[in-house]
Amino acid sequence: ASMDEKLSASEARMTASMDEKLSASEARLKTCVD
């Protein structure tokens, strides 16, 4: 139960971090293309 809880929290943090970095990357790419 503890590992599942910690894994879920870790996955949530990683997903949030990846989404943030992906959005920033897309914004930079769009600016460059424009």
Full PDB file with SEQRES, HELIX, SHEET, SSBOND, CRYST1, ORIGX, SCALE, CONECT and MASTER records, all heavy atoms in Angstrom:
SEQRES   1 A   34  ALA SER MET ASP GLU LYS LEU SER ALA SER GLU ALA ARG          
SEQRES   2 A   34  MET THR ALA SER MET ASP GLU LYS LEU SER ALA SER GLU          
SEQRES   3 A   34  ALA ARG LEU LYS THR CYS VAL ASP                              
HELIX    1 AA1 SER A    2  VAL A   33  1                                  32    
CRYST1    1.000    1.000    1.000  90.00  90.00  90.00 P 1           1          
ORIGX1      1.000000  0.000000  0.000000        0.00000                         
ORIGX2      0.000000  1.000000  0.000000        0.00000                         
ORIGX3      0.000000  0.000000  1.000000        0.00000                         
SCALE1      1.000000  0.000000  0.000000        0.00000                         
SCALE2      0.000000  1.000000  0.000000        0.00000                         
SCALE3      0.000000  0.000000  1.000000        0.00000                         
ATOM      1  N   ALA A   1       0.833  -1.203   0.000  1.00  0.00           N  
ATOM      2  CA  ALA A   1       0.000   0.000   0.000  1.00  0.00           C  
ATOM      3  C   ALA A   1       0.868   1.253   0.000  1.00  0.00           C  
ATOM      4  O   ALA A   1       0.605   2.211  -0.752  1.00  0.00           O  
ATOM      5  CB  ALA A   1      -0.939  -0.006   1.201  1.00  0.00           C  
ATOM      6  N   SER A   2       1.920   1.252   0.798  1.00  0.00           N  
ATOM      7  CA  SER A   2       2.818   2.406   0.869  1.00  0.00           C  
ATOM      8  C   SER A   2       3.529   2.620  -0.472  1.00  0.00           C  
ATOM      9  O   SER A   2       3.630   3.749  -0.956  1.00  0.00           O  
ATOM     10  CB  SER A   2       3.841   2.194   1.985  1.00  0.00           C  
ATOM     11  OG  SER A   2       4.765   3.256   2.003  1.00  0.00           O  
ATOM     12  N   MET A   3       4.007   1.524  -1.083  1.00  0.00           N  
ATOM     13  CA  MET A   3       4.704   1.642  -2.375  1.00  0.00           C  
ATOM     14  C   MET A   3       3.743   2.120  -3.460  1.00  0.00           C  
ATOM     15  O   MET A   3       4.096   2.966  -4.287  1.00  0.00           O  
ATOM     16  CB  MET A   3       5.330   0.300  -2.765  1.00  0.00           C  
ATOM     17  CG  MET A   3       6.557  -0.028  -1.935  1.00  0.00           C  
ATOM     18  SD  MET A   3       7.484  -1.538  -2.347  1.00  0.00           S  
ATOM     19  CE  MET A   3       6.547  -2.413  -3.499  1.00  0.00           C  
ATOM     20  N   ASP A   4       2.506   1.584  -3.446  1.00  0.00           N  
ATOM     21  CA  ASP A   4       1.518   2.021  -4.443  1.00  0.00           C  
ATOM     22  C   ASP A   4       1.238   3.510  -4.306  1.00  0.00           C  
ATOM     23  O   ASP A   4       1.162   4.240  -5.299  1.00  0.00           O  
ATOM     24  CB  ASP A   4       0.215   1.229  -4.297  1.00  0.00           C  
ATOM     25  CG  ASP A   4       0.340  -0.214  -4.787  1.00  0.00           C  
ATOM     26  OD1 ASP A   4       1.331  -0.521  -5.487  1.00  0.00           O  
ATOM     27  OD2 ASP A   4      -0.570  -1.017  -4.480  1.00  0.00           O  
ATOM     28  N   GLU A   5       1.078   3.946  -3.059  1.00  0.00           N  
ATOM     29  CA  GLU A   5       0.815   5.357  -2.798  1.00  0.00           C  
ATOM     30  C   GLU A   5       1.974   6.231  -3.272  1.00  0.00           C  
ATOM     31  O   GLU A   5       1.781   7.239  -3.945  1.00  0.00           O  
ATOM     32  CB  GLU A   5       0.571   5.550  -1.299  1.00  0.00           C  
ATOM     33  CG  GLU A   5       0.253   6.965  -0.900  1.00  0.00           C  
ATOM     34  CD  GLU A   5       0.074   7.078   0.610  1.00  0.00           C  
ATOM     35  OE1 GLU A   5      -0.577   6.200   1.200  1.00  0.00           O  
ATOM     36  OE2 GLU A   5       0.616   8.052   1.170  1.00  0.00           O  
ATOM     37  N   LYS A   6       3.190   5.801  -2.943  1.00  0.00           N  
ATOM     38  CA  LYS A   6       4.371   6.589  -3.335  1.00  0.00           C  
ATOM     39  C   LYS A   6       4.588   6.547  -4.847  1.00  0.00           C  
ATOM     40  O   LYS A   6       4.967   7.553  -5.452  1.00  0.00           O  
ATOM     41  CB  LYS A   6       5.598   6.094  -2.578  1.00  0.00           C  
ATOM     42  CG  LYS A   6       5.531   6.459  -1.108  1.00  0.00           C  
ATOM     43  CD  LYS A   6       6.743   6.058  -0.341  1.00  0.00           C  
ATOM     44  CE  LYS A   6       6.527   6.473   1.116  1.00  0.00           C  
ATOM     45  NZ  LYS A   6       7.669   6.257   1.932  1.00  0.00           N  
ATOM     46  N   LEU A   7       4.317   5.402  -5.463  1.00  0.00           N  
ATOM     47  CA  LEU A   7       4.447   5.313  -6.928  1.00  0.00           C  
ATOM     48  C   LEU A   7       3.424   6.211  -7.615  1.00  0.00           C  
ATOM     49  O   LEU A   7       3.747   6.898  -8.593  1.00  0.00           O  
ATOM     50  CB  LEU A   7       4.265   3.869  -7.406  1.00  0.00           C  
ATOM     51  CG  LEU A   7       5.485   2.964  -7.296  1.00  0.00           C  
ATOM     52  CD1 LEU A   7       5.101   1.533  -7.650  1.00  0.00           C  
ATOM     53  CD2 LEU A   7       6.588   3.439  -8.224  1.00  0.00           C  
ATOM     54  N   SER A   8       2.189   6.211  -7.107  1.00  0.00           N  
ATOM     55  CA  SER A   8       1.158   7.071  -7.698  1.00  0.00           C  
ATOM     56  C   SER A   8       1.546   8.541  -7.574  1.00  0.00           C  
ATOM     57  O   SER A   8       1.394   9.314  -8.521  1.00  0.00           O  
ATOM     58  CB  SER A   8      -0.190   6.842  -7.017  1.00  0.00           C  
ATOM     59  OG  SER A   8      -0.655   5.545  -7.293  1.00  0.00           O  
ATOM     60  N   ALA A   9       2.040   8.916  -6.405  1.00  0.00           N  
ATOM     61  CA  ALA A   9       2.466  10.306  -6.206  1.00  0.00           C  
ATOM     62  C   ALA A   9       3.630  10.647  -7.133  1.00  0.00           C  
ATOM     63  O   ALA A   9       3.670  11.724  -7.740  1.00  0.00           O  
ATOM     64  CB  ALA A   9       2.859  10.532  -4.740  1.00  0.00           C  
ATOM     65  N   SER A  10       4.569   9.727  -7.260  1.00  0.00           N  
ATOM     66  CA  SER A  10       5.721   9.950  -8.142  1.00  0.00           C  
ATOM     67  C   SER A  10       5.275  10.072  -9.594  1.00  0.00           C  
ATOM     68  O   SER A  10       5.739  10.944 -10.333  1.00  0.00           O  
ATOM     69  CB  SER A  10       6.722   8.797  -7.995  1.00  0.00           C  
ATOM     70  OG  SER A  10       7.785   8.945  -8.914  1.00  0.00           O  
ATOM     71  N   GLU A  11       4.359   9.193 -10.020  1.00  0.00           N  
ATOM     72  CA  GLU A  11       3.838   9.265 -11.382  1.00  0.00           C  
ATOM     73  C   GLU A  11       3.133  10.594 -11.630  1.00  0.00           C  
ATOM     74  O   GLU A  11       3.290  11.205 -12.685  1.00  0.00           O  
ATOM     75  CB  GLU A  11       2.875   8.109 -11.645  1.00  0.00           C  
ATOM     76  CG  GLU A  11       3.557   6.772 -11.804  1.00  0.00           C  
ATOM     77  CD  GLU A  11       2.562   5.616 -11.913  1.00  0.00           C  
ATOM     78  OE1 GLU A  11       1.349   5.837 -11.741  1.00  0.00           O  
ATOM     79  OE2 GLU A  11       3.021   4.492 -12.174  1.00  0.00           O  
ATOM     80  N   ALA A  12       2.367  11.052 -10.654  1.00  0.00           N  
ATOM     81  CA  ALA A  12       1.658  12.323 -10.799  1.00  0.00           C  
ATOM     82  C   ALA A  12       2.645  13.478 -10.942  1.00  0.00           C  
ATOM     83  O   ALA A  12       2.470  14.357 -11.791  1.00  0.00           O  
ATOM     84  CB  ALA A  12       0.725  12.554  -9.607  1.00  0.00           C  
ATOM     85  N   ARG A  13       3.700  13.465 -10.106  1.00  0.00           N  
ATOM     86  CA  ARG A  13       4.713  14.523 -10.195  1.00  0.00           C  
ATOM     87  C   ARG A  13       5.441  14.472 -11.543  1.00  0.00           C  
ATOM     88  O   ARG A  13       5.683  15.497 -12.176  1.00  0.00           O  
ATOM     89  CB  ARG A  13       5.716  14.411  -9.047  1.00  0.00           C  
ATOM     90  CG  ARG A  13       5.167  14.819  -7.684  1.00  0.00           C  
ATOM     91  CD  ARG A  13       6.265  14.930  -6.635  1.00  0.00           C  
ATOM     92  NE  ARG A  13       7.103  13.762  -6.520  1.00  0.00           N  
ATOM     93  CZ  ARG A  13       6.864  12.682  -5.753  1.00  0.00           C  
ATOM     94  NH1 ARG A  13       5.749  12.651  -5.025  1.00  0.00           N  
ATOM     95  NH2 ARG A  13       7.694  11.668  -5.713  1.00  0.00           N  
ATOM     96  N   MET A  14       5.785  13.277 -11.995  1.00  0.00           N  
ATOM     97  CA  MET A  14       6.486  13.121 -13.281  1.00  0.00           C  
ATOM     98  C   MET A  14       5.593  13.569 -14.434  1.00  0.00           C  
ATOM     99  O   MET A  14       6.049  14.253 -15.350  1.00  0.00           O  
ATOM    100  CB  MET A  14       6.926  11.664 -13.483  1.00  0.00           C  
ATOM    101  CG  MET A  14       8.115  11.253 -12.645  1.00  0.00           C  
ATOM    102  SD  MET A  14       9.572  12.257 -12.942  1.00  0.00           S  
ATOM    103  CE  MET A  14       9.953  11.810 -14.616  1.00  0.00           C  
ATOM    104  N   THR A  15       4.315  13.198 -14.393  1.00  0.00           N  
ATOM    105  CA  THR A  15       3.386  13.601 -15.449  1.00  0.00           C  
ATOM    106  C   THR A  15       3.257  15.118 -15.492  1.00  0.00           C  
ATOM    107  O   THR A  15       3.306  15.726 -16.564  1.00  0.00           O  
ATOM    108  CB  THR A  15       2.009  12.944 -15.234  1.00  0.00           C  
ATOM    109  OG1 THR A  15       2.170  11.523 -15.235  1.00  0.00           O  
ATOM    110  CG2 THR A  15       1.022  13.348 -16.306  1.00  0.00           C  
ATOM    111  N   ALA A  16       3.117  15.726 -14.322  1.00  0.00           N  
ATOM    112  CA  ALA A  16       3.003  17.190 -14.262  1.00  0.00           C  
ATOM    113  C   ALA A  16       4.274  17.849 -14.795  1.00  0.00           C  
ATOM    114  O   ALA A  16       4.214  18.805 -15.568  1.00  0.00           O  
ATOM    115  CB  ALA A  16       2.720  17.640 -12.828  1.00  0.00           C  
ATOM    116  N   SER A  17       5.414  17.331 -14.401  1.00  0.00           N  
ATOM    117  CA  SER A  17       6.694  17.878 -14.867  1.00  0.00           C  
ATOM    118  C   SER A  17       6.854  17.709 -16.372  1.00  0.00           C  
ATOM    119  O   SER A  17       7.267  18.633 -17.076  1.00  0.00           O  
ATOM    120  CB  SER A  17       7.846  17.183 -14.139  1.00  0.00           C  
ATOM    121  OG  SER A  17       9.087  17.629 -14.635  1.00  0.00           O  
ATOM    122  N   MET A  18       6.498  16.530 -16.878  1.00  0.00           N  
ATOM    123  CA  MET A  18       6.612  16.281 -18.318  1.00  0.00           C  
ATOM    124  C   MET A  18       5.646  17.167 -19.102  1.00  0.00           C  
ATOM    125  O   MET A  18       6.016  17.722 -20.142  1.00  0.00           O  
ATOM    126  CB  MET A  18       6.353  14.805 -18.623  1.00  0.00           C  
ATOM    127  CG  MET A  18       7.506  13.910 -18.188  1.00  0.00           C  
ATOM    128  SD  MET A  18       7.227  12.113 -18.274  1.00  0.00           S  
ATOM    129  CE  MET A  18       6.112  11.867 -19.575  1.00  0.00           C  
ATOM    130  N   ASP A  19       4.416  17.331 -18.595  1.00  0.00           N  
ATOM    131  CA  ASP A  19       3.446  18.193 -19.272  1.00  0.00           C  
ATOM    132  C   ASP A  19       3.953  19.634 -19.333  1.00  0.00           C  
ATOM    133  O   ASP A  19       3.834  20.304 -20.360  1.00  0.00           O  
ATOM    134  CB  ASP A  19       2.088  18.149 -18.561  1.00  0.00           C  
ATOM    135  CG  ASP A  19       1.351  16.834 -18.784  1.00  0.00           C  
ATOM    136  OD1 ASP A  19       1.761  16.068 -19.687  1.00  0.00           O  
ATOM    137  OD2 ASP A  19       0.376  16.574 -18.047  1.00  0.00           O  
ATOM    138  N   GLU A  20       4.505  20.084 -18.225  1.00  0.00           N  
ATOM    139  CA  GLU A  20       5.034  21.454 -18.159  1.00  0.00           C  
ATOM    140  C   GLU A  20       6.184  21.641 -19.154  1.00  0.00           C  
ATOM    141  O   GLU A  20       6.220  22.613 -19.911  1.00  0.00           O  
ATOM    142  CB  GLU A  20       5.506  21.734 -16.728  1.00  0.00           C  
ATOM    143  CG  GLU A  20       6.067  23.119 -16.515  1.00  0.00           C  
ATOM    144  CD  GLU A  20       6.549  23.301 -15.089  1.00  0.00           C  
ATOM    145  OE1 GLU A  20       5.831  22.884 -14.161  1.00  0.00           O  
ATOM    146  OE2 GLU A  20       7.648  23.846 -14.919  1.00  0.00           O  
ATOM    147  N   LYS A  21       7.101  20.686 -19.164  1.00  0.00           N  
ATOM    148  CA  LYS A  21       8.249  20.790 -20.071  1.00  0.00           C  
ATOM    149  C   LYS A  21       7.820  20.650 -21.526  1.00  0.00           C  
ATOM    150  O   LYS A  21       8.342  21.334 -22.411  1.00  0.00           O  
ATOM    151  CB  LYS A  21       9.304  19.752 -19.711  1.00  0.00           C  
ATOM    152  CG  LYS A  21      10.004  20.094 -18.408  1.00  0.00           C  
ATOM    153  CD  LYS A  21      11.059  19.107 -18.027  1.00  0.00           C  
ATOM    154  CE  LYS A  21      11.683  19.544 -16.695  1.00  0.00           C  
ATOM    155  NZ  LYS A  21      12.716  18.652 -16.265  1.00  0.00           N  
ATOM    156  N   LEU A  22       6.840  19.793 -21.788  1.00  0.00           N  
ATOM    157  CA  LEU A  22       6.329  19.626 -23.150  1.00  0.00           C  
ATOM    158  C   LEU A  22       5.651  20.904 -23.625  1.00  0.00           C  
ATOM    159  O   LEU A  22       5.862  21.338 -24.763  1.00  0.00           O  
ATOM    160  CB  LEU A  22       5.348  18.444 -23.197  1.00  0.00           C  
ATOM    161  CG  LEU A  22       4.781  18.090 -24.564  1.00  0.00           C  
ATOM    162  CD1 LEU A  22       5.899  17.682 -25.515  1.00  0.00           C  
ATOM    163  CD2 LEU A  22       3.776  16.974 -24.442  1.00  0.00           C  
ATOM    164  N   SER A  23       4.868  21.520 -22.768  1.00  0.00           N  
ATOM    165  CA  SER A  23       4.202  22.779 -23.133  1.00  0.00           C  
ATOM    166  C   SER A  23       5.230  23.869 -23.425  1.00  0.00           C  
ATOM    167  O   SER A  23       5.088  24.620 -24.398  1.00  0.00           O  
ATOM    168  CB  SER A  23       3.270  23.245 -22.012  1.00  0.00           C  
ATOM    169  OG  SER A  23       2.204  22.344 -21.856  1.00  0.00           O  
ATOM    170  N   ALA A  24       6.258  23.947 -22.588  1.00  0.00           N  
ATOM    171  CA  ALA A  24       7.305  24.944 -22.815  1.00  0.00           C  
ATOM    172  C   ALA A  24       8.034  24.670 -24.127  1.00  0.00           C  
ATOM    173  O   ALA A  24       8.321  25.593 -24.901  1.00  0.00           O  
ATOM    174  CB  ALA A  24       8.294  24.948 -21.643  1.00  0.00           C  
ATOM    175  N   SER A  25       8.302  23.406 -24.402  1.00  0.00           N  
ATOM    176  CA  SER A  25       8.974  23.039 -25.652  1.00  0.00           C  
ATOM    177  C   SER A  25       8.112  23.380 -26.856  1.00  0.00           C  
ATOM    178  O   SER A  25       8.604  23.915 -27.861  1.00  0.00           O  
ATOM    179  CB  SER A  25       9.300  21.545 -25.645  1.00  0.00           C  
ATOM    180  OG  SER A  25       9.873  21.146 -26.867  1.00  0.00           O  
ATOM    181  N   GLU A  26       6.821  23.079 -26.780  1.00  0.00           N  
ATOM    182  CA  GLU A  26       5.906  23.407 -27.882  1.00  0.00           C  
ATOM    183  C   GLU A  26       5.857  24.915 -28.105  1.00  0.00           C  
ATOM    184  O   GLU A  26       5.842  25.376 -29.251  1.00  0.00           O  
ATOM    185  CB  GLU A  26       4.512  22.874 -27.581  1.00  0.00           C  
ATOM    186  CG  GLU A  26       4.387  21.373 -27.707  1.00  0.00           C  
ATOM    187  CD  GLU A  26       3.024  20.848 -27.257  1.00  0.00           C  
ATOM    188  OE1 GLU A  26       2.274  21.597 -26.593  1.00  0.00           O  
ATOM    189  OE2 GLU A  26       2.727  19.682 -27.556  1.00  0.00           O  
ATOM    190  N   ALA A  27       5.838  25.692 -27.038  1.00  0.00           N  
ATOM    191  CA  ALA A  27       5.804  27.147 -27.167  1.00  0.00           C  
ATOM    192  C   ALA A  27       7.075  27.661 -27.846  1.00  0.00           C  
ATOM    193  O   ALA A  27       7.011  28.525 -28.726  1.00  0.00           O  
ATOM    194  CB  ALA A  27       5.633  27.800 -25.793  1.00  0.00           C  
ATOM    195  N   ARG A  28       8.228  27.118 -27.434  1.00  0.00           N  
ATOM    196  CA  ARG A  28       9.489  27.535 -28.064  1.00  0.00           C  
ATOM    197  C   ARG A  28       9.502  27.155 -29.537  1.00  0.00           C  
ATOM    198  O   ARG A  28       9.920  27.939 -30.398  1.00  0.00           O  
ATOM    199  CB  ARG A  28      10.689  26.905 -27.345  1.00  0.00           C  
ATOM    200  CG  ARG A  28      10.980  27.505 -25.987  1.00  0.00           C  
ATOM    201  CD  ARG A  28      12.323  27.026 -25.429  1.00  0.00           C  
ATOM    202  NE  ARG A  28      12.513  25.600 -25.439  1.00  0.00           N  
ATOM    203  CZ  ARG A  28      12.122  24.755 -24.491  1.00  0.00           C  
ATOM    204  NH1 ARG A  28      11.487  25.230 -23.424  1.00  0.00           N  
ATOM    205  NH2 ARG A  28      12.365  23.460 -24.574  1.00  0.00           N  
ATOM    206  N   LEU A  29       9.038  25.961 -29.845  1.00  0.00           N  
ATOM    207  CA  LEU A  29       9.011  25.494 -31.237  1.00  0.00           C  
ATOM    208  C   LEU A  29       8.067  26.356 -32.078  1.00  0.00           C  
ATOM    209  O   LEU A  29       8.401  26.749 -33.199  1.00  0.00           O  
ATOM    210  CB  LEU A  29       8.573  24.032 -31.291  1.00  0.00           C  
ATOM    211  CG  LEU A  29       8.526  23.398 -32.672  1.00  0.00           C  
ATOM    212  CD1 LEU A  29       9.906  23.404 -33.323  1.00  0.00           C  
ATOM    213  CD2 LEU A  29       8.008  21.975 -32.578  1.00  0.00           C  
ATOM    214  N   LYS A  30       6.885  26.683 -31.536  1.00  0.00           N  
ATOM    215  CA  LYS A  30       5.934  27.517 -32.267  1.00  0.00           C  
ATOM    216  C   LYS A  30       6.532  28.891 -32.531  1.00  0.00           C  
ATOM    217  O   LYS A  30       6.409  29.421 -33.639  1.00  0.00           O  
ATOM    218  CB  LYS A  30       4.631  27.640 -31.480  1.00  0.00           C  
ATOM    219  CG  LYS A  30       3.558  28.408 -32.234  1.00  0.00           C  
ATOM    220  CD  LYS A  30       2.293  28.536 -31.419  1.00  0.00           C  
ATOM    221  CE  LYS A  30       1.184  29.264 -32.115  1.00  0.00           C  
ATOM    222  NZ  LYS A  30       1.519  30.378 -32.939  1.00  0.00           N  
ATOM    223  N   THR A  31       7.197  29.470 -31.546  1.00  0.00           N  
ATOM    224  CA  THR A  31       7.832  30.773 -31.722  1.00  0.00           C  
ATOM    225  C   THR A  31       8.890  30.710 -32.815  1.00  0.00           C  
ATOM    226  O   THR A  31       8.952  31.575 -33.692  1.00  0.00           O  
ATOM    227  CB  THR A  31       8.465  31.239 -30.392  1.00  0.00           C  
ATOM    228  OG1 THR A  31       7.433  31.329 -29.400  1.00  0.00           O  
ATOM    229  CG2 THR A  31       9.133  32.579 -30.544  1.00  0.00           C  
ATOM    230  N   CYS A  32       9.692  29.657 -32.779  1.00  0.00           N  
ATOM    231  CA  CYS A  32      10.759  29.488 -33.773  1.00  0.00           C  
ATOM    232  C   CYS A  32      10.165  29.327 -35.171  1.00  0.00           C  
ATOM    233  O   CYS A  32      10.626  29.963 -36.131  1.00  0.00           O  
ATOM    234  CB  CYS A  32      11.618  28.278 -33.403  1.00  0.00           C  
ATOM    235  SG  CYS A  32      12.994  28.005 -34.530  1.00  0.00           S  
ATOM    236  N   VAL A  33       9.145  28.505 -35.299  1.00  0.00           N  
ATOM    237  CA  VAL A  33       8.504  28.285 -36.604  1.00  0.00           C  
ATOM    238  C   VAL A  33       7.875  29.584 -37.099  1.00  0.00           C  
ATOM    239  O   VAL A  33       8.005  29.936 -38.279  1.00  0.00           O  
ATOM    240  CB  VAL A  33       7.464  27.145 -36.517  1.00  0.00           C  
ATOM    241  CG1 VAL A  33       6.590  27.105 -37.755  1.00  0.00           C  
ATOM    242  CG2 VAL A  33       8.159  25.821 -36.319  1.00  0.00           C  
ATOM    243  N   ASP A  34       7.189  30.309 -36.219  1.00  0.00           N  
ATOM    244  CA  ASP A  34       6.567  31.577 -36.615  1.00  0.00           C  
ATOM    245  C   ASP A  34       7.613  32.562 -37.113  1.00  0.00           C  
ATOM    246  O   ASP A  34       7.399  33.271 -38.105  1.00  0.00           O  
ATOM    247  CB  ASP A  34       5.779  32.186 -35.450  1.00  0.00           C  
ATOM    248  CG  ASP A  34       4.497  31.418 -35.143  1.00  0.00           C  
ATOM    249  OD1 ASP A  34       4.091  30.587 -35.971  1.00  0.00           O  
ATOM    250  OD2 ASP A  34       3.930  31.647 -34.055  1.00  0.00           O  
TER     251      ASP A  34                                                      
MASTER        0    0    0    1    0    0    0    6  250    1    0    3          
END                                                                             
